[in-house]
Protein backbone atom coordinates (compact mmCIF):
# COMPACT_ATOMS: atom_id res chain seq x y z
CA MET A 1 96.37 83.96 145.85
CA LYS A 2 96.47 80.19 146.21
CA THR A 3 99.62 78.22 145.05
CA VAL A 4 98.92 76.69 141.53
CA PHE A 5 99.54 73.05 140.93
CA LEU A 6 99.55 71.89 137.28
CA HIS A 7 99.31 68.08 136.60
CA GLY A 8 99.74 66.32 133.51
CA LEU A 9 101.44 63.21 131.78
CA TRP A 10 104.54 63.59 129.77
CA ARG A 11 103.43 64.88 126.30
CA SER A 12 100.04 66.06 127.31
CA GLY A 13 100.87 69.69 126.84
CA SER A 14 101.81 70.47 130.27
CA THR A 15 105.11 72.28 129.42
CA TYR A 16 103.17 74.64 127.26
CA VAL A 17 100.51 75.40 130.09
CA TRP A 18 103.48 75.87 132.45
CA SER A 19 105.07 78.32 130.14
CA ARG A 20 102.00 80.37 129.88
CA PHE A 21 102.02 80.94 133.55
CA ARG A 22 105.76 81.40 133.71
CA VAL A 23 105.52 84.52 131.55
CA LEU A 24 103.35 86.36 134.11
CA PRO A 25 105.15 88.90 136.21
CA GLN A 26 103.25 87.56 139.41
CA THR A 27 104.34 84.05 139.25
CA TYR A 28 107.50 81.95 140.16
CA CYS A 29 107.16 78.82 138.22
CA TYR A 30 108.89 75.46 138.97
CA TYR A 31 109.41 73.11 136.01
CA GLU A 32 109.05 69.45 137.22
CA PRO A 33 109.65 69.68 140.78
CA LEU A 34 109.93 66.14 141.06
CA HIS A 35 112.34 65.66 138.15
CA HIS A 36 114.85 62.78 138.82
CA GLY A 37 117.63 65.12 137.75
CA LEU A 38 117.12 67.56 140.46
CA GLU A 39 119.24 65.59 143.06
CA LYS A 40 122.23 66.42 140.81
CA LEU A 41 121.23 69.72 139.53
CA THR A 42 124.10 72.48 139.32
CA PRO A 43 124.18 75.98 137.98
CA VAL A 44 126.24 74.46 134.73
CA ARG A 45 123.53 71.91 134.32
CA ILE A 46 120.86 74.61 134.63
CA GLY A 47 122.53 76.96 132.23
CA ARG A 48 122.79 74.33 129.48
CA ASP A 49 119.28 73.21 129.47
CA VAL A 50 117.67 75.96 127.30
CA PRO A 51 114.67 75.13 125.34
CA GLN A 52 114.32 76.29 121.82
CA THR A 53 111.01 76.72 119.68
CA PHE A 54 110.60 73.80 117.21
CA GLU A 55 113.06 71.61 119.02
CA LYS A 56 112.50 68.02 118.94
CA ASN A 57 110.11 67.99 122.03
CA ALA A 58 108.07 70.58 120.43
CA HIS A 59 108.22 72.76 123.49
CA PRO A 60 107.60 76.34 123.27
CA GLY A 61 110.62 78.67 123.23
CA LEU A 62 111.66 80.19 126.45
CA SER A 63 113.81 83.01 127.43
CA GLU A 64 115.26 80.95 130.54
CA PRO A 65 116.39 77.46 131.11
CA TYR A 66 113.82 75.13 132.33
CA PHE A 67 115.21 74.77 135.91
CA ALA A 68 116.27 78.54 136.34
CA GLU A 69 113.95 79.03 139.29
CA PHE A 70 115.81 76.30 141.11
CA LEU A 71 119.14 78.30 141.19
CA PRO A 72 118.66 80.07 144.45
CA LEU A 73 117.67 76.60 146.26
CA LEU A 74 120.77 74.70 145.31
CA LYS A 75 123.12 73.48 148.10
CA GLY A 76 126.01 72.88 146.05
CA ARG A 77 124.88 70.14 143.87
CA GLY A 78 121.30 69.21 144.19
CA VAL A 79 118.07 71.13 145.19
CA ARG A 80 117.60 71.49 148.99
CA HIS A 81 115.20 69.08 150.69
CA TYR A 82 114.87 67.01 147.31
CA ARG A 83 115.82 63.34 147.13
CA ARG A 84 115.69 61.25 143.91
CA VAL A 85 113.33 58.73 145.54
CA LEU A 86 110.44 61.38 145.31
CA ALA A 87 110.66 60.90 141.40
CA TYR A 88 109.61 57.09 141.73
CA ASP A 89 108.72 55.99 145.09
CA ARG A 90 105.31 56.24 146.50
CA PHE A 91 104.00 57.34 143.22
CA ALA A 92 100.20 56.99 144.64
CA LEU A 93 99.61 58.83 147.76
CA ALA A 94 96.04 58.77 149.33
CA PRO A 95 94.86 62.05 151.15
CA GLY A 96 95.68 61.60 154.53
CA GLU A 97 98.77 59.75 154.14
CA THR A 98 102.01 60.79 155.70
CA HIS A 99 105.09 61.68 153.69
CA GLU A 100 107.22 64.21 155.71
CA GLY A 101 109.95 64.30 153.16
CA LEU A 102 107.78 65.12 150.25
CA GLN A 103 105.66 67.72 152.31
CA ARG A 104 108.74 69.44 153.57
CA TYR A 105 110.26 69.68 150.05
CA MET A 106 106.84 70.97 148.79
CA GLN A 107 106.83 73.46 151.46
CA SER A 108 110.25 74.62 150.92
CA LEU A 109 109.44 75.59 147.50
CA ILE A 110 106.20 77.37 148.26
CA ASP A 111 107.81 79.26 150.91
CA HIS A 112 110.77 80.50 148.63
CA ALA A 113 108.23 81.64 145.76
CA GLN A 114 105.98 83.41 148.55
CA ALA A 115 109.14 85.11 149.89
CA GLU A 116 109.98 86.52 146.65
CA ASP A 117 106.25 88.11 146.71
CA HIS A 118 105.34 85.69 143.87
CA VAL A 119 102.53 83.12 143.15
CA PRO A 120 104.09 79.73 143.27
CA VAL A 121 103.20 77.70 140.14
CA LEU A 122 104.48 74.10 140.12
CA GLY A 123 104.24 72.14 136.97
CA PHE A 124 104.24 68.41 137.59
CA ASN A 125 104.45 65.41 135.51
CA ARG A 126 104.68 62.80 138.42
CA THR A 127 101.63 63.81 140.42
CA GLY A 128 98.99 61.91 138.71
CA LEU A 129 97.94 59.81 141.70
CA ARG A 130 98.96 62.32 144.46
CA VAL A 131 96.67 65.13 143.82
CA GLY A 132 94.39 64.35 146.75
CA TRP A 133 97.31 64.20 149.00
CA LEU A 134 98.48 67.65 148.05
CA LYS A 135 95.21 69.16 148.14
CA ASN A 136 94.78 67.94 151.63
CA LEU A 137 97.84 69.67 152.88
CA PHE A 138 98.17 72.69 150.73
CA THR A 139 95.92 75.61 149.75
CA SER A 140 95.99 75.27 146.03
CA TYR A 141 94.26 75.47 142.84
CA ASP A 142 94.85 72.25 140.95
CA ILE A 143 94.62 72.04 137.10
CA HIS A 144 94.88 68.75 135.17
CA ILE A 145 96.09 69.10 131.71
CA ASP A 146 94.56 66.18 129.59
CA ARG A 147 95.30 64.66 125.88
CA ASP A 148 93.93 61.65 124.25
CA PRO A 149 95.85 58.81 125.46
CA GLN A 150 96.32 57.50 121.94
CA GLN A 151 97.95 60.75 121.06
CA VAL A 152 100.26 60.60 124.22
CA TRP A 153 101.32 57.05 123.32
CA ARG A 154 101.96 57.92 119.77
CA SER A 155 104.24 60.66 120.95
CA TYR A 156 105.97 58.27 123.30
CA ASN A 157 106.46 55.81 120.26
CA ARG A 158 107.67 58.61 118.02
CA HIS A 159 110.49 59.46 120.42
CA MET A 160 111.45 55.91 120.85
CA GLN A 161 111.96 55.50 117.05
CA GLU A 162 114.11 58.52 117.17
CA GLY A 163 116.22 56.76 120.10
CA ASN A 164 114.68 58.23 122.95
CA ASN A 165 112.71 55.57 125.02
CA THR A 166 112.97 57.71 128.31
CA PHE A 167 108.93 57.95 128.70
CA PHE A 168 108.23 54.22 128.36
CA THR A 169 111.34 53.16 130.63
CA THR A 170 110.65 55.87 133.19
CA TRP A 171 106.97 54.28 133.44
CA LEU A 172 108.38 50.99 133.73
CA ILE A 173 110.68 51.99 136.57
CA VAL A 174 107.75 53.62 138.25
CA LEU A 175 105.81 50.56 138.05
CA GLU A 176 108.49 48.21 139.33
CA ARG A 177 108.88 50.72 142.45
CA ASN A 178 105.22 50.76 142.95
CA ALA A 179 104.13 47.08 141.90
CA ALA A 180 102.60 46.27 145.11
CA HIS A 181 100.24 49.38 145.28
CA PRO A 182 96.54 48.15 144.69
CA LEU A 183 96.08 50.71 141.96
CA LEU A 184 99.24 49.56 140.08
CA ALA A 185 99.65 46.02 141.00
CA PRO A 186 97.19 44.87 138.31
CA LEU A 187 99.29 46.57 135.60
CA ALA A 188 102.62 45.85 137.08
CA SER A 189 101.80 42.18 137.03
CA GLN A 190 101.44 42.09 133.09
CA LEU A 191 104.59 43.71 132.38
CA PRO A 192 108.36 42.43 132.25
CA LEU A 193 109.57 44.02 135.40
CA ARG A 194 112.78 43.42 137.10
CA ARG A 195 111.75 40.86 139.91
CA GLY A 196 114.84 38.53 140.36
CA VAL A 197 118.05 39.26 142.12
CA PHE A 198 120.04 38.99 138.93
CA GLU A 199 117.55 41.17 137.02
CA LYS A 200 118.14 43.89 139.72
CA MET A 201 121.83 43.65 139.02
CA ILE A 202 121.10 45.33 135.74
CA LYS A 203 120.80 49.09 135.70
CA PRO A 204 117.15 49.91 135.06
CA LYS A 205 117.50 52.03 132.11
CA ASP A 206 119.29 49.34 130.58
CA TYR A 207 117.04 46.52 131.56
CA TYR A 208 113.92 48.19 130.38
CA GLY A 209 115.45 49.71 127.25
CA GLN A 210 116.09 46.12 126.27
CA ALA A 211 112.62 44.97 127.49
CA LEU A 212 110.98 47.32 125.26
CA THR A 213 112.21 45.62 122.41
CA GLY A 214 110.04 42.70 123.19
CA LEU A 215 106.97 44.40 124.09
CA THR A 216 104.21 44.74 121.41
CA GLN A 217 102.32 47.93 120.52
CA GLN A 218 99.39 46.63 122.22
CA GLN A 219 101.33 46.13 125.44
CA THR A 220 102.81 49.65 125.40
CA TYR A 221 99.34 51.15 124.85
CA PHE A 222 97.91 49.00 127.51
CA MET A 223 100.44 50.62 129.90
CA THR A 224 99.96 54.11 128.70
CA PHE A 225 96.14 53.89 128.68
CA TYR A 226 95.98 52.24 132.20
CA ILE A 227 98.19 55.03 133.55
CA TRP A 228 96.00 57.80 131.86
CA ALA A 229 92.72 56.34 132.85
CA LEU A 230 93.96 56.38 136.51
CA THR A 231 95.42 59.69 136.67
CA THR A 232 92.48 61.28 134.76
CA LEU A 233 89.83 59.62 137.20
CA HIS A 234 92.09 60.96 140.05
CA ALA A 235 92.04 64.27 138.62
CA LEU A 236 88.43 64.49 138.11
CA SER A 237 88.02 63.48 141.83
CA PHE A 238 90.38 66.15 143.25
CA CYS A 239 91.36 68.91 140.58
CA ASP A 240 89.69 72.49 140.27
CA PHE A 241 89.78 72.40 136.75
CA VAL A 242 90.62 69.97 133.75
CA LEU A 243 92.12 71.70 130.67
CA ASP A 244 91.54 69.22 127.78
CA MET A 245 93.92 69.98 125.01
CA ASN A 246 91.58 67.83 122.58
CA ARG A 247 89.06 70.53 123.03
CA ALA A 248 91.21 73.63 121.72
CA GLY A 249 89.33 73.40 118.60
CA GLU A 250 85.90 73.97 120.03
CA SER A 251 84.45 77.26 119.32
CA GLY A 252 84.78 79.44 122.82
CA TYR A 253 86.65 76.72 124.63
CA ILE A 254 89.95 78.50 125.09
CA ALA A 255 88.30 81.54 126.15
CA ALA A 256 86.18 79.88 128.54
CA ALA A 257 89.16 77.93 130.10
CA MET A 258 91.12 81.18 130.61
CA GLU A 259 88.37 82.74 132.33
CA SER A 260 87.81 79.76 134.67
CA ILE A 261 91.55 79.82 135.39
CA ARG A 262 91.47 83.46 135.99
CA THR A 263 88.65 83.39 138.50
CA GLY A 264 90.08 80.54 140.27
CA THR A 265 93.78 81.66 140.54
CA GLY A 266 93.68 85.58 139.78
CA LEU A 267 96.15 84.80 137.22
CA ALA A 268 95.63 85.71 133.36
CA ALA A 269 97.36 82.98 131.75
CA ASP A 270 97.14 83.49 128.00
CA LEU A 271 96.23 80.13 126.36
CA THR A 272 95.21 81.34 122.94
CA GLY A 273 98.30 79.45 121.38
CA MET A 274 96.61 76.23 122.50
CA ARG A 275 96.43 73.88 119.61
CA THR A 276 94.69 70.45 119.03
CA SER A 277 94.92 67.46 116.70
CA ALA A 278 92.03 65.36 115.71
CA GLU A 279 91.04 62.59 118.13
CA ASP A 280 92.54 59.24 117.03
CA ALA A 281 89.96 56.76 116.11
CA ALA A 282 90.28 53.45 118.10
CA HIS A 283 91.68 50.69 115.91
CA GLU A 284 91.99 46.90 116.71
CA ILE A 285 95.01 47.19 118.93
CA THR A 286 94.19 50.20 120.95
CA ALA A 287 90.39 49.18 121.43
CA GLU A 288 91.31 45.86 122.58
CA ALA A 289 93.98 47.53 125.08
CA GLU A 290 91.42 49.86 126.36
CA LYS A 291 88.77 47.46 126.97
CA SER A 292 91.38 45.26 129.03
CA ALA A 293 92.60 48.08 130.93
CA LEU A 294 89.04 49.40 131.93
CA SER A 295 88.05 45.86 133.02
CA LEU A 296 91.05 45.75 135.56
CA ILE A 297 90.22 49.66 136.67
CA LYS A 298 86.63 49.23 137.36
CA PRO A 299 86.79 47.00 140.53
CA LEU A 300 89.18 49.62 142.05
CA ILE A 301 87.07 52.82 141.80
CA SER A 302 84.47 52.19 144.48
CA GLU A 303 86.96 50.88 146.88
CA SER A 304 89.61 53.46 146.80
CA SER A 305 90.00 56.84 148.48
CA PHE A 306 91.84 57.93 145.24
CA PHE A 307 88.43 58.34 143.69
CA ARG A 308 85.16 60.04 144.08
CA PRO A 309 82.75 58.55 141.85
CA ALA A 310 80.02 61.39 142.22
CA LEU A 311 82.59 63.89 141.34
CA ILE A 312 83.96 61.92 138.45
CA ARG A 313 80.50 61.65 136.95
CA ALA A 314 79.89 65.47 137.42
CA GLY A 315 83.38 66.36 135.82
CA LEU A 316 83.14 63.91 132.86
CA PRO A 317 81.60 66.78 130.70
CA GLN A 318 85.05 68.55 130.99
CA LEU A 319 86.57 65.83 128.65
CA ALA A 320 86.19 65.52 124.97
CA SER A 321 83.62 63.10 124.15
CA ARG A 322 85.82 60.04 123.13
CA LYS A 323 87.39 60.15 126.62
CA ALA A 324 84.54 61.01 128.55
CA GLN A 325 82.63 57.97 127.00
CA LEU A 326 85.38 55.70 127.72
CA LEU A 327 85.56 56.54 131.45
CA SER A 328 81.78 56.98 131.88
CA GLY A 329 81.23 53.02 132.28
CA LEU A 330 83.52 53.01 135.25
CA VAL A 331 81.24 55.10 137.48
């Protein structure tokens, strides 16, 4: 059986999908293999991070801690072969690029799961622009989990209102570290990133926590939408299947998705608990931000090995209508 890679933005439903693979007896499922906390992971930290149903994150209840599968891979403190820079640096990797550190780390996870005679399943939130790179190196079945960007953004906002600005600040850190990349430079140039020597003396979480207080809702949605559009276009170019959470309410959709995944992976993941919420209607703030972001992205499509326009056009029907219509003008 192929290794299964799950890709999705934070708050897209990726944890739910990963949990449906985790309960299968044939699988060995790694949660967020590029999470920045893995460099300092210990048995104590693993043990205290047990998700509960109906918790603030609305994650599914699980019988084991999120990071339990990493326990045999700890080297005292931290996961073997993992480095924190993997969480932030070189966030966009084109097929054929060289990244020995990331390749070695990915291979070590796959090797461990296979040595246990299980199918490796890796649930990512930081590979939206690395799918083609992974596909080029590993024999995998890649699933992209998609959710309307307005819903993702509203979830980020809700968490920020409750005192958790992790999602916005992490994206700002990623953009700072990748500001020179051609795909991310147009977005990075419009945000208040740390650039000067004195600014970089301030811890990034503190700096961006403060910077967020000065950003408008249009700016934070512009950032969220731009990232969503890039990663969804990249997914349509390289993933084997796009699982759209916004289509869960369509008659027969969940059954058809489960069959596609079973055919591609040999694994019968039960997705009958998928739920959707109505797609949000665009309003003045979001519509203007979407239009601005798409105008910046369009020139990038034909010039980049990250995107395959013919495959994008063929794959758009996998998306709910609003999202497909938004992206169709790019290809």
